[in-house]
Amino acid sequence: APQATRSLHAACAQIDLKGEDRVLITLDIGWTNVPKGARAPPRSGPPLTLLPQCGHAPGRSAASAVTTEPTSPSLFCVFDGHNGPHAAAAAADSILAALATRLPGPPPLSELASDSGDATAADLACPAAAAWRGEVAAALAAAFHDVQVSWAGRGALGGCTATVALVLGRLVTVANVGDSLGLLDTGASVVPVTGDHRVHNSRREQERVRAAGGVVTRVAETGSGPAPDAARGLGPLRVWPGGVANSRAIGDFDVQPGLLLAAPQLTQLRFPVEGGRLLLASDGVWDCVDIHRAAKCARGAAASEAADRVLAGVLRATGGVPKDDTSVVVVDVLPPGVPSFPEACGRKLKRSMSRGAAMVAAGLPADAESDRGGGSRRGG
């Protein structure tokens, strides 16, 4: 299979202050829903799960791994809890099982051809390939719903952001709620792959919340409750009732129903043929650096060191005193014979990397449209 000749390099790093972030990386997860009479591509071994090892004490940690010739999807997740760590922990514990039951079987041959660098226009437009990609995106959205229902069944009130990426070959499908953002670095350009649901930064989310009967305003100058005038008050805009900063999240069931959504924003695209880097992080990063600076911090390092370099950039920006839990996931997908992303950036291959990431027409639901202006958020 064309995509099986590539290598995938993954790493994560974390600054753990409050214990509210959770990172989950599972490489080569396998295929559960294989059609009758079909055979799934053989896998070299069991799925590999990668976690930063902070323990319960505040600290800094990192972990990395490489899988060559992945023949099934790999899963990359960042969850950032609020009002405690429990929602993030529950989401990390349940997302893989929820997704495995929803994913379609292995891709059709037309999708494998689309994923290769030699794809024809007919390959790219093939209805079977497009339908399969749409099923992958729908599976991610349904998995978010299942995680939300599972968390609701516990009767808890906390919540979390969730940014989940599924990678197979050059195809990456990203689903997110909240303000844990992601980017794709092609080596020549930086492409946002998530929506920013911090309501202060998204006019579209502000309009949606107001249409649902909510109020978007700051904290009152007294320090409690909503400000009567959005132009006055303290801090960023928030969603009321509730006073939460994000308009989409897992959980937060104490907020008026219909105001906060667990329905994710979806983006589907391909890594460049010459290789590329996916970077996901919690808001501990994005409150200090924008997506371009984060990509630049990491670009000169292989995946095994890149996530920690982003953390180093955060520490520089905060004077060595981070203010929040901070988690970073780096995923490099590289062509044969290219050992690292920095080398991919420096090579002059047949196709220019300036072409960047190719968006995939995947038949995504209407909610998949991207509010990319928030992808370069910094601060407030």
Protein backbone atom coordinates (compact mmCIF):
# COMPACT_ATOMS: atom_id res chain seq x y z
CA ALA A 1 0.00 0.00 0.00
CA PRO A 2 1.39 3.44 -0.87
CA GLN A 3 0.95 4.94 2.59
CA ALA A 4 2.75 2.00 4.23
CA THR A 5 6.13 3.20 2.94
CA ARG A 6 6.11 6.29 5.15
CA SER A 7 7.20 6.62 8.74
CA LEU A 8 5.38 8.31 11.58
CA HIS A 9 7.28 9.94 14.45
CA ALA A 10 5.37 11.08 17.55
CA ALA A 11 6.34 12.86 20.75
CA CYS A 12 4.65 14.61 23.64
CA ALA A 13 5.82 16.89 26.40
CA GLN A 14 4.03 18.37 29.37
CA ILE A 15 4.36 20.87 32.18
CA ASP A 16 2.08 19.59 34.94
CA LEU A 17 1.02 22.21 37.51
CA LYS A 18 -2.58 21.39 38.39
CA GLY A 19 -2.89 17.92 36.88
CA GLU A 20 -5.81 18.94 34.64
CA ASP A 21 -4.27 18.16 31.21
CA ARG A 22 -4.34 14.69 29.68
CA VAL A 23 -2.41 13.55 26.60
CA LEU A 24 -3.12 10.30 24.75
CA ILE A 25 -1.15 8.92 21.80
CA THR A 26 -1.95 5.48 20.42
CA LEU A 27 -0.03 4.41 17.33
CA ASP A 28 -1.36 1.93 14.74
CA ILE A 29 -4.65 1.25 16.54
CA GLY A 30 -5.84 -1.44 14.10
CA TRP A 31 -9.14 -1.98 12.31
CA THR A 32 -12.26 -3.13 14.15
CA ASN A 33 -14.98 -2.92 11.49
CA VAL A 34 -13.53 -5.01 8.66
CA PRO A 35 -16.19 -5.87 6.03
CA LYS A 36 -17.13 -9.52 5.74
CA GLY A 37 -14.86 -11.32 3.32
CA ALA A 38 -12.21 -8.58 3.45
CA ARG A 39 -8.84 -8.66 5.19
CA ALA A 40 -7.28 -5.85 7.17
CA PRO A 41 -3.66 -4.98 6.36
CA PRO A 42 -1.30 -6.88 8.70
CA ARG A 43 0.02 -4.93 11.66
CA SER A 44 3.58 -5.28 12.92
CA GLY A 45 2.53 -5.50 16.56
CA PRO A 46 -0.04 -4.37 19.14
CA PRO A 47 -1.01 -0.70 19.40
CA LEU A 48 1.58 1.45 21.15
CA THR A 49 0.27 3.97 23.67
CA LEU A 50 2.52 6.86 24.59
CA LEU A 51 2.02 9.03 27.67
CA PRO A 52 4.10 11.73 29.34
CA GLN A 53 5.24 10.52 32.76
CA CYS A 54 4.67 13.33 35.24
CA GLY A 55 3.08 11.36 38.02
CA HIS A 56 1.07 13.36 40.55
CA ALA A 57 3.77 15.87 41.48
CA PRO A 58 4.15 19.08 39.48
CA GLY A 59 6.91 18.71 36.92
CA ARG A 60 7.99 18.47 33.31
CA SER A 61 8.09 15.29 31.24
CA ALA A 62 8.36 14.01 27.69
CA ALA A 63 7.97 10.80 25.69
CA SER A 64 8.55 9.83 22.06
CA ALA A 65 8.25 6.89 19.66
CA VAL A 66 8.57 6.00 15.98
CA THR A 67 6.42 3.60 14.00
CA THR A 68 7.45 2.67 10.47
CA GLU A 69 4.96 1.54 7.87
CA PRO A 70 1.78 2.16 9.91
CA THR A 71 -1.08 0.22 8.31
CA SER A 72 -3.95 1.52 10.45
CA PRO A 73 -4.83 4.90 11.96
CA SER A 74 -2.92 6.48 14.82
CA LEU A 75 -4.70 8.60 17.42
CA PHE A 76 -3.39 11.82 19.01
CA CYS A 77 -5.33 13.64 21.74
CA VAL A 78 -5.00 16.64 24.04
CA PHE A 79 -7.62 17.19 26.75
CA ASP A 80 -7.54 20.21 29.07
CA GLY A 81 -9.78 19.94 32.11
CA HIS A 82 -11.45 22.75 34.00
CA ASN A 83 -13.11 22.59 37.41
CA GLY A 84 -10.86 19.63 38.12
CA PRO A 85 -9.11 16.91 36.10
CA HIS A 86 -11.91 14.39 36.04
CA ALA A 87 -13.58 15.21 32.71
CA ALA A 88 -10.23 15.23 30.89
CA ALA A 89 -9.26 11.90 32.49
CA ALA A 90 -12.60 10.35 31.57
CA ALA A 91 -12.35 11.58 27.97
CA ALA A 92 -8.82 10.20 27.62
CA ASP A 93 -9.96 6.87 29.02
CA SER A 94 -12.98 6.52 26.72
CA ILE A 95 -12.14 8.13 23.37
CA LEU A 96 -10.27 5.20 21.82
CA ALA A 97 -12.99 2.65 22.52
CA ALA A 98 -15.67 5.09 21.35
CA LEU A 99 -13.81 5.73 18.10
CA ALA A 100 -12.92 2.09 17.39
CA THR A 101 -16.58 1.08 17.23
CA ARG A 102 -17.40 3.96 14.86
CA LEU A 103 -14.54 3.87 12.34
CA PRO A 104 -15.18 2.34 8.93
CA GLY A 105 -13.02 -0.51 7.71
CA PRO A 106 -9.72 -0.09 5.84
CA PRO A 107 -9.72 2.50 3.03
CA PRO A 108 -10.68 1.53 -0.52
CA LEU A 109 -7.95 1.20 -3.12
CA SER A 110 -8.98 4.55 -4.60
CA GLU A 111 -8.18 6.27 -1.29
CA LEU A 112 -4.80 4.54 -1.12
CA ALA A 113 -4.11 5.86 -4.62
CA SER A 114 -5.27 9.34 -3.57
CA ASP A 115 -2.83 9.20 -0.68
CA SER A 116 0.15 8.50 -2.93
CA GLY A 117 2.18 11.17 -4.61
CA ASP A 118 1.24 9.72 -8.01
CA ALA A 119 -2.52 10.15 -7.63
CA THR A 120 -4.47 11.10 -10.73
CA ALA A 121 -7.39 13.51 -10.85
CA ALA A 122 -9.68 10.49 -11.11
CA ASP A 123 -8.19 9.03 -7.92
CA LEU A 124 -8.72 12.29 -6.03
CA ALA A 125 -12.33 12.62 -7.21
CA CYS A 126 -13.31 8.98 -6.70
CA PRO A 127 -16.71 8.80 -4.92
CA ALA A 128 -15.69 5.71 -2.91
CA ALA A 129 -12.61 7.46 -1.51
CA ALA A 130 -14.54 10.63 -0.72
CA ALA A 131 -17.29 8.62 0.98
CA TRP A 132 -14.74 6.73 3.09
CA ARG A 133 -13.10 9.97 4.21
CA GLY A 134 -16.52 11.32 5.14
CA GLU A 135 -17.16 8.21 7.23
CA VAL A 136 -13.89 8.76 9.09
CA ALA A 137 -14.87 12.35 9.92
CA ALA A 138 -18.36 11.25 10.97
CA ALA A 139 -16.82 8.58 13.22
CA LEU A 140 -14.80 11.21 15.06
CA ALA A 141 -17.86 13.41 15.56
CA ALA A 142 -19.87 10.42 16.82
CA ALA A 143 -17.05 9.45 19.20
CA PHE A 144 -17.23 12.92 20.76
CA HIS A 145 -20.96 12.42 21.29
CA ASP A 146 -20.32 9.03 22.93
CA VAL A 147 -17.71 10.53 25.27
CA GLN A 148 -20.14 13.31 26.19
CA VAL A 149 -22.93 10.83 26.95
CA SER A 150 -20.58 8.66 29.01
CA TRP A 151 -19.43 11.66 31.06
CA ALA A 152 -23.02 12.83 31.56
CA GLY A 153 -23.86 9.42 32.98
CA ARG A 154 -21.45 10.03 35.85
CA GLY A 155 -23.41 13.03 37.10
CA ALA A 156 -20.32 15.24 37.37
CA LEU A 157 -20.18 18.94 36.53
CA GLY A 158 -16.60 19.50 35.35
CA GLY A 159 -15.60 19.80 31.72
CA CYS A 160 -12.67 19.74 29.33
CA THR A 161 -11.48 20.82 25.94
CA ALA A 162 -10.75 18.04 23.45
CA THR A 163 -8.53 18.07 20.38
CA VAL A 164 -8.29 14.71 18.63
CA ALA A 165 -6.39 13.90 15.42
CA LEU A 166 -6.58 10.66 13.48
CA VAL A 167 -3.70 10.04 11.05
CA LEU A 168 -3.53 7.39 8.34
CA GLY A 169 -0.86 7.79 5.71
CA ARG A 170 -0.95 11.43 4.65
CA LEU A 171 -4.59 11.89 5.64
CA VAL A 172 -5.26 13.67 8.93
CA THR A 173 -8.73 14.25 10.37
CA VAL A 174 -8.96 16.64 13.31
CA ALA A 175 -11.91 17.21 15.64
CA ASN A 176 -11.90 19.75 18.44
CA VAL A 177 -13.97 21.56 21.03
CA GLY A 178 -12.48 24.35 23.12
CA ASP A 179 -9.22 26.23 22.89
CA SER A 180 -6.61 23.47 22.64
CA LEU A 181 -5.46 24.31 19.12
CA GLY A 182 -3.49 22.57 16.38
CA LEU A 183 -1.46 23.35 13.28
CA LEU A 184 0.08 21.63 10.29
CA ASP A 185 3.61 22.79 9.43
CA THR A 186 4.55 22.03 5.82
CA GLY A 187 8.05 23.40 6.26
CA ALA A 188 7.12 26.45 4.20
CA SER A 189 3.78 27.48 5.69
CA VAL A 190 1.71 26.94 8.81
CA VAL A 191 -1.93 25.84 8.44
CA PRO A 192 -4.40 26.02 11.36
CA VAL A 193 -6.29 22.73 11.71
CA THR A 194 -8.67 23.58 14.58
CA GLY A 195 -11.30 26.13 15.47
CA ASP A 196 -10.83 28.38 18.49
CA HIS A 197 -13.95 28.13 20.67
CA ARG A 198 -12.80 30.62 23.27
CA VAL A 199 -15.86 32.78 22.80
CA HIS A 200 -13.90 36.03 23.13
CA ASN A 201 -12.03 35.14 19.91
CA SER A 202 -14.87 33.85 17.73
CA ARG A 203 -17.59 36.15 16.43
CA ARG A 204 -19.37 33.14 14.94
CA GLU A 205 -19.55 31.42 18.33
CA GLN A 206 -20.74 34.64 19.97
CA GLU A 207 -23.59 34.83 17.47
CA ARG A 208 -24.46 31.16 17.98
CA VAL A 209 -24.60 31.50 21.78
CA ARG A 210 -26.80 34.61 21.60
CA ALA A 211 -29.12 32.89 19.11
CA ALA A 212 -29.46 30.01 21.60
CA GLY A 213 -30.62 32.42 24.32
CA GLY A 214 -27.31 32.95 26.10
CA VAL A 215 -25.49 36.13 27.02
CA VAL A 216 -21.93 36.93 25.91
CA THR A 217 -20.28 39.47 28.17
CA ARG A 218 -17.43 39.99 30.62
CA VAL A 219 -17.36 39.46 34.36
CA ALA A 220 -18.96 42.40 36.18
CA GLU A 221 -16.64 44.99 37.70
CA THR A 222 -17.72 43.74 41.13
CA GLY A 223 -15.90 40.49 40.28
CA SER A 224 -19.01 38.33 40.24
CA GLY A 225 -21.68 37.62 37.65
CA PRO A 226 -22.11 39.02 34.13
CA ALA A 227 -21.36 42.63 33.27
CA PRO A 228 -24.48 44.50 32.06
CA ASP A 229 -22.48 45.94 29.16
CA ALA A 230 -20.05 43.79 27.12
CA ALA A 231 -17.85 46.84 26.53
CA ARG A 232 -17.21 47.10 30.25
CA GLY A 233 -16.32 44.60 32.92
CA LEU A 234 -13.32 42.44 33.67
CA GLY A 235 -11.38 40.01 31.52
CA PRO A 236 -12.44 38.31 28.27
CA LEU A 237 -15.95 37.70 27.04
CA ARG A 238 -17.66 34.69 28.59
CA VAL A 239 -20.82 32.63 28.13
CA TRP A 240 -23.63 33.27 30.65
CA PRO A 241 -25.29 31.72 32.57
CA GLY A 242 -22.19 29.89 33.74
CA GLY A 243 -19.39 32.33 33.01
CA VAL A 244 -17.34 29.83 31.00
CA ALA A 245 -14.70 30.99 28.54
CA ASN A 246 -15.25 28.29 25.89
CA SER A 247 -18.47 27.88 23.94
CA ARG A 248 -17.72 24.25 23.08
CA ALA A 249 -16.48 21.59 25.48
CA ILE A 250 -17.02 18.11 26.84
CA GLY A 251 -19.16 18.30 29.99
CA ASP A 252 -19.92 21.54 31.87
CA PHE A 253 -23.48 20.37 32.45
CA ASP A 254 -24.15 23.18 34.92
CA VAL A 255 -24.29 25.61 31.99
CA GLN A 256 -27.69 26.20 30.42
CA PRO A 257 -28.43 23.42 27.88
CA GLY A 258 -27.85 24.43 24.28
CA LEU A 259 -25.27 27.11 24.99
CA LEU A 260 -22.21 24.86 25.16
CA LEU A 261 -21.79 22.28 22.42
CA ALA A 262 -19.83 19.03 22.49
CA ALA A 263 -20.16 18.82 18.69
CA PRO A 264 -16.62 19.21 17.36
CA GLN A 265 -15.32 21.36 14.56
CA LEU A 266 -13.86 19.07 11.89
CA THR A 267 -10.97 19.58 9.50
CA GLN A 268 -9.56 17.06 7.05
CA LEU A 269 -6.40 17.53 5.01
CA ARG A 270 -3.24 15.76 3.85
CA PHE A 271 0.36 16.03 4.86
CA PRO A 272 2.51 17.16 1.92
CA VAL A 273 4.08 14.36 -0.10
CA GLU A 274 7.49 15.63 1.03
CA GLY A 275 6.57 15.30 4.70
CA GLY A 276 4.95 17.51 7.32
CA ARG A 277 4.39 18.08 11.01
CA LEU A 278 1.20 18.18 13.05
CA LEU A 279 1.37 20.04 16.36
CA LEU A 280 -1.41 19.98 18.97
CA ALA A 281 -1.29 21.81 22.29
CA SER A 282 -3.38 23.00 25.22
CA ASP A 283 -3.94 26.69 25.88
CA GLY A 284 -0.90 26.85 28.13
CA VAL A 285 0.99 27.18 24.85
CA TRP A 286 -1.39 29.44 22.92
CA ASP A 287 -1.70 31.99 25.70
CA CYS A 288 2.05 32.56 25.31
CA VAL A 289 2.89 32.05 21.62
CA ASP A 290 0.95 32.02 18.36
CA ILE A 291 0.93 29.11 15.90
CA HIS A 292 3.70 30.56 13.75
CA ARG A 293 6.08 31.05 16.66
CA ALA A 294 5.28 27.58 18.01
CA ALA A 295 6.05 26.03 14.62
CA LYS A 296 9.27 28.03 14.37
CA CYS A 297 10.35 26.92 17.88
CA ALA A 298 10.01 23.29 16.84
CA ARG A 299 11.00 23.32 13.17
CA GLY A 300 14.72 22.76 13.64
CA ALA A 301 14.27 19.65 15.79
CA ALA A 302 13.22 16.06 15.17
CA ALA A 303 9.90 15.02 16.70
CA SER A 304 11.62 13.51 19.74
CA GLU A 305 12.88 16.97 20.74
CA ALA A 306 10.36 19.29 19.09
CA ALA A 307 7.61 19.08 21.72
CA ASP A 308 10.07 19.94 24.48
CA ARG A 309 11.34 22.89 22.43
CA VAL A 310 7.84 24.33 22.37
CA LEU A 311 7.69 24.02 26.15
CA ALA A 312 11.02 25.82 26.34
CA GLY A 313 9.48 28.64 24.29
CA VAL A 314 6.60 28.85 26.76
CA LEU A 315 9.02 29.03 29.68
CA ARG A 316 10.92 31.85 27.97
CA ALA A 317 7.68 33.74 27.38
CA THR A 318 6.63 33.37 31.02
CA GLY A 319 10.00 34.15 32.56
CA GLY A 320 10.38 30.53 33.63
CA VAL A 321 7.15 30.55 35.64
CA PRO A 322 4.34 28.90 33.62
CA LYS A 323 0.85 29.84 34.71
CA ASP A 324 -1.06 26.76 33.57
CA ASP A 325 -0.77 23.11 32.68
CA THR A 326 0.86 22.93 29.26
CA SER A 327 0.78 19.94 26.90
CA VAL A 328 2.26 19.52 23.42
CA VAL A 329 1.95 16.69 20.90
CA VAL A 330 4.12 16.56 17.76
CA VAL A 331 3.48 14.16 14.86
CA ASP A 332 5.81 13.96 11.86
CA VAL A 333 4.78 11.98 8.77
CA LEU A 334 7.80 11.49 6.51
CA PRO A 335 8.44 9.92 3.10
CA PRO A 336 10.82 6.99 2.58
CA GLY A 337 14.46 7.78 3.21
CA VAL A 338 13.80 10.99 5.15
CA PRO A 339 14.76 10.49 8.81
CA SER A 340 13.47 13.74 10.29
CA PHE A 341 11.27 16.76 9.65
CA PRO A 342 14.20 19.23 9.57
CA GLU A 343 15.75 17.16 6.78
CA ALA A 344 12.41 17.11 4.95
CA CYS A 345 12.33 20.90 5.18
CA GLY A 346 15.79 21.17 3.68
CA ARG A 347 15.40 18.72 0.82
CA LYS A 348 14.59 19.79 -2.70
CA LEU A 349 12.16 17.09 -3.80
CA LYS A 350 10.19 16.83 -7.01
CA ARG A 351 7.31 18.83 -5.63
CA SER A 352 7.75 22.16 -3.86
CA MET A 353 6.72 22.20 -0.23
CA SER A 354 5.27 25.63 -0.84
CA ARG A 355 2.19 23.86 -2.17
CA GLY A 356 1.43 23.12 1.45
CA ALA A 357 -1.31 20.90 2.78
CA ALA A 358 -4.04 19.81 0.38
CA MET A 359 -7.54 20.18 1.78
CA VAL A 360 -9.68 17.11 1.22
CA ALA A 361 -13.26 17.36 0.03
CA ALA A 362 -14.59 14.88 2.55
CA GLY A 363 -18.30 15.59 2.66
CA LEU A 364 -17.95 16.91 6.20
CA PRO A 365 -21.04 18.07 8.08
CA ALA A 366 -21.91 21.75 7.96
CA ASP A 367 -20.22 22.31 11.31
CA ALA A 368 -16.86 21.42 9.76
CA GLU A 369 -16.28 24.90 8.37
CA SER A 370 -13.25 26.40 10.06
CA ASP A 371 -13.11 29.62 12.05
CA ARG A 372 -9.39 29.83 11.35
CA GLY A 373 -8.89 33.40 12.41
CA GLY A 374 -8.58 32.16 16.01
CA GLY A 375 -5.81 29.76 15.13
CA SER A 376 -3.14 32.37 15.69
CA ARG A 377 -4.48 33.46 19.07
CA ARG A 378 -2.15 34.79 21.64
CA GLY A 379 -3.15 35.98 25.06
CA GLY A 380 -6.57 36.82 26.62
